[in-house]
C-alpha atoms as a PDB file:
ATOM      1  CA  MET A   1     135.236  91.308 168.252  1.00  0.00           C
ATOM      2  CA  MET A   2     132.416  93.746 167.767  1.00  0.00           C
ATOM      3  CA  GLN A   3     129.408  92.725 165.688  1.00  0.00           C
ATOM      4  CA  ILE A   4     127.449  94.924 163.324  1.00  0.00           C
ATOM      5  CA  SER A   5     123.899  94.132 164.366  1.00  0.00           C
ATOM      6  CA  ASP A   6     122.075  96.345 161.816  1.00  0.00           C
ATOM      7  CA  VAL A   7     122.804  98.171 158.570  1.00  0.00           C
ATOM      8  CA  ARG A   8     120.436 100.758 157.094  1.00  0.00           C
ATOM      9  CA  ILE A   9     120.928 102.003 153.536  1.00  0.00           C
ATOM     10  CA  ARG A  10     119.477 105.195 152.095  1.00  0.00           C
ATOM     11  CA  GLN A  11     120.006 105.491 148.339  1.00  0.00           C
ATOM     12  CA  VAL A  12     120.976 108.861 146.875  1.00  0.00           C
ATOM     13  CA  ARG A  13     119.028 109.129 143.636  1.00  0.00           C
ATOM     14  CA  HIS A  14     119.898 112.627 142.470  1.00  0.00           C
ATOM     15  CA  SER A  15     123.648 112.561 142.851  1.00  0.00           C
ATOM     16  CA  ASP A  16     125.646 113.992 139.967  1.00  0.00           C
ATOM     17  CA  GLY A  17     128.875 112.714 141.483  1.00  0.00           C
ATOM     18  CA  ARG A  18     130.026 109.312 142.659  1.00  0.00           C
ATOM     19  CA  LEU A  19     127.936 109.160 145.852  1.00  0.00           C
ATOM     20  CA  ARG A  20     125.454 106.286 145.576  1.00  0.00           C
ATOM     21  CA  ALA A  21     124.076 105.836 149.100  1.00  0.00           C
ATOM     22  CA  VAL A  22     124.433 106.683 152.767  1.00  0.00           C
ATOM     23  CA  ALA A  23     124.531 103.990 155.444  1.00  0.00           C
ATOM     24  CA  SER A  24     124.055 103.779 159.184  1.00  0.00           C
ATOM     25  CA  ILE A  25     125.372 100.867 161.200  1.00  0.00           C
ATOM     26  CA  THR A  26     124.483  99.642 164.667  1.00  0.00           C
ATOM     27  CA  ILE A  27     127.314  98.017 166.587  1.00  0.00           C
ATOM     28  CA  ASP A  28     126.508  95.371 169.215  1.00  0.00           C
ATOM     29  CA  ASP A  29     122.894  96.617 169.431  1.00  0.00           C
ATOM     30  CA  CYS A  30     124.103  99.628 171.426  1.00  0.00           C
ATOM     31  CA  PHE A  31     126.046 102.141 169.305  1.00  0.00           C
ATOM     32  CA  VAL A  32     125.063 103.757 165.979  1.00  0.00           C
ATOM     33  CA  VAL A  33     127.255 105.427 163.370  1.00  0.00           C
ATOM     34  CA  HIS A  34     125.391 107.531 160.785  1.00  0.00           C
ATOM     35  CA  ASP A  35     126.467 109.168 157.512  1.00  0.00           C
ATOM     36  CA  ILE A  36     128.786 106.477 156.197  1.00  0.00           C
ATOM     37  CA  ARG A  37     128.934 107.237 152.484  1.00  0.00           C
ATOM     38  CA  ILE A  38     129.041 104.655 149.688  1.00  0.00           C
ATOM     39  CA  PHE A  39     130.807 105.864 146.548  1.00  0.00           C
ATOM     40  CA  GLU A  40     131.300 104.322 143.130  1.00  0.00           C
ATOM     41  CA  ARG A  41     134.570 104.688 141.257  1.00  0.00           C
ATOM     42  CA  ASP A  42     135.611 102.787 138.142  1.00  0.00           C
ATOM     43  CA  GLY A  43     132.734 100.327 138.570  1.00  0.00           C
ATOM     44  CA  ALA A  44     133.661  99.451 142.170  1.00  0.00           C
ATOM     45  CA  TYR A  45     132.085 100.607 145.423  1.00  0.00           C
ATOM     46  CA  PHE A  46     133.926 101.857 148.475  1.00  0.00           C
ATOM     47  CA  VAL A  47     132.970 103.220 151.878  1.00  0.00           C
ATOM     48  CA  ALA A  48     133.938 106.570 153.427  1.00  0.00           C
ATOM     49  CA  MET A  49     133.558 107.166 157.139  1.00  0.00           C
ATOM     50  CA  PRO A  50     131.638 110.195 158.450  1.00  0.00           C
ATOM     51  CA  SER A  51     133.766 113.332 158.187  1.00  0.00           C
ATOM     52  CA  ARG A  52     133.742 117.071 158.791  1.00  0.00           C
ATOM     53  CA  LYS A  53     135.326 119.802 156.713  1.00  0.00           C
ATOM     54  CA  ALA A  54     138.151 121.517 158.601  1.00  0.00           C
ATOM     55  CA  SER A  55     138.904 125.237 158.368  1.00  0.00           C
ATOM     56  CA  ASP A  56     141.794 124.511 155.975  1.00  0.00           C
ATOM     57  CA  GLY A  57     139.404 122.822 153.508  1.00  0.00           C
ATOM     58  CA  THR A  58     140.486 119.244 154.229  1.00  0.00           C
ATOM     59  CA  TYR A  59     138.144 116.594 155.565  1.00  0.00           C
ATOM     60  CA  LYS A  60     138.739 114.804 158.862  1.00  0.00           C
ATOM     61  CA  ASP A  61     136.985 111.587 159.862  1.00  0.00           C
ATOM     62  CA  ILE A  62     134.660 111.997 162.830  1.00  0.00           C
ATOM     63  CA  ALA A  63     134.505 108.260 163.520  1.00  0.00           C
ATOM     64  CA  HIS A  64     136.714 105.575 162.045  1.00  0.00           C
ATOM     65  CA  PRO A  65     138.109 102.096 162.711  1.00  0.00           C
ATOM     66  CA  LEU A  66     141.513 101.942 164.377  1.00  0.00           C
ATOM     67  CA  ASN A  67     142.805  98.937 162.457  1.00  0.00           C
ATOM     68  CA  THR A  68     142.643  97.356 159.005  1.00  0.00           C
ATOM     69  CA  GLU A  69     140.739  94.273 160.171  1.00  0.00           C
ATOM     70  CA  THR A  70     137.885  96.362 161.578  1.00  0.00           C
ATOM     71  CA  ARG A  71     137.818  98.671 158.537  1.00  0.00           C
ATOM     72  CA  GLU A  72     137.573  95.668 156.199  1.00  0.00           C
ATOM     73  CA  TYR A  73     134.819  94.095 158.326  1.00  0.00           C
ATOM     74  CA  ILE A  74     132.762  97.308 158.343  1.00  0.00           C
ATOM     75  CA  GLN A  75     133.242  97.902 154.628  1.00  0.00           C
ATOM     76  CA  ALA A  76     132.404  94.301 153.657  1.00  0.00           C
ATOM     77  CA  THR A  77     129.276  94.285 155.825  1.00  0.00           C
ATOM     78  CA  ILE A  78     128.028  97.626 154.462  1.00  0.00           C
ATOM     79  CA  LEU A  79     128.742  96.736 150.829  1.00  0.00           C
ATOM     80  CA  GLU A  80     127.033  93.347 151.221  1.00  0.00           C
ATOM     81  CA  SER A  81     123.935  95.122 152.556  1.00  0.00           C
ATOM     82  CA  PHE A  82     124.164  97.700 149.769  1.00  0.00           C
ATOM     83  CA  GLN A  83     124.282  94.972 147.096  1.00  0.00           C
ATOM     84  CA  SER A  84     121.205  93.318 148.653  1.00  0.00           C
ATOM     85  CA  PHE A  85     119.499  96.714 148.770  1.00  0.00           C
ATOM     86  CA  LEU A  86     120.206  97.243 145.051  1.00  0.00           C
ATOM     87  CA  LYS A  87     118.841  93.804 144.145  1.00  0.00           C
ATOM     88  CA  GLU A  88     115.676  94.386 146.181  1.00  0.00           C
ATOM     89  CA  SER A  89     115.117  97.820 144.655  1.00  0.00           C
ATOM     90  CA  GLU A  90     115.386  96.328 141.146  1.00  0.00           C
ATOM     91  CA  ALA A  91     112.887  93.541 141.871  1.00  0.00           C
ATOM     92  CA  PRO A  92     109.491  94.114 140.265  1.00  0.00           C
ATOM     93  CA  GLU A  93     106.622  95.014 142.541  1.00  0.00           C
ATOM     94  CA  PRO A  94     104.237  92.094 143.142  1.00  0.00           C
ATOM     95  CA  VAL A  95     100.996  92.441 141.197  1.00  0.00           C
ATOM     96  CA  ALA A  96      97.814  92.022 143.186  1.00  0.00           C
ATOM     97  CA  ASP A  97      95.533  89.290 141.910  1.00  0.00           C
ATOM     98  CA  GLU A  98      92.195  90.995 141.324  1.00  0.00           C
ATOM     99  CA  SER A  99      90.323  87.664 141.540  1.00  0.00           C
ATOM    100  CA  GLU A 100      91.150  87.461 145.269  1.00  0.00           C
ATOM    101  CA  GLU A 101      89.243  90.657 146.111  1.00  0.00           C
END
């Protein structure tokens, strides 16, 4: 099975909607998928694959998993990284000890 070797999270701070962050994943250290969106709905987070707006106004995924197992693996990995990202961003900045200067 493929392995997600890296997850990068970019938080969206000025979103009026449900979008909370955008992720990029690296698969097996050789393939990257950008613009995976993390949304919040009813207190839960979910992942949307990169998509493009079609001429009829609907959105079509550009890249997506072909089976449920892979979709669940990608979503779980991204959301785990997102939760860690949120915890790290809430942590207070370390205060420099002026006596050490």
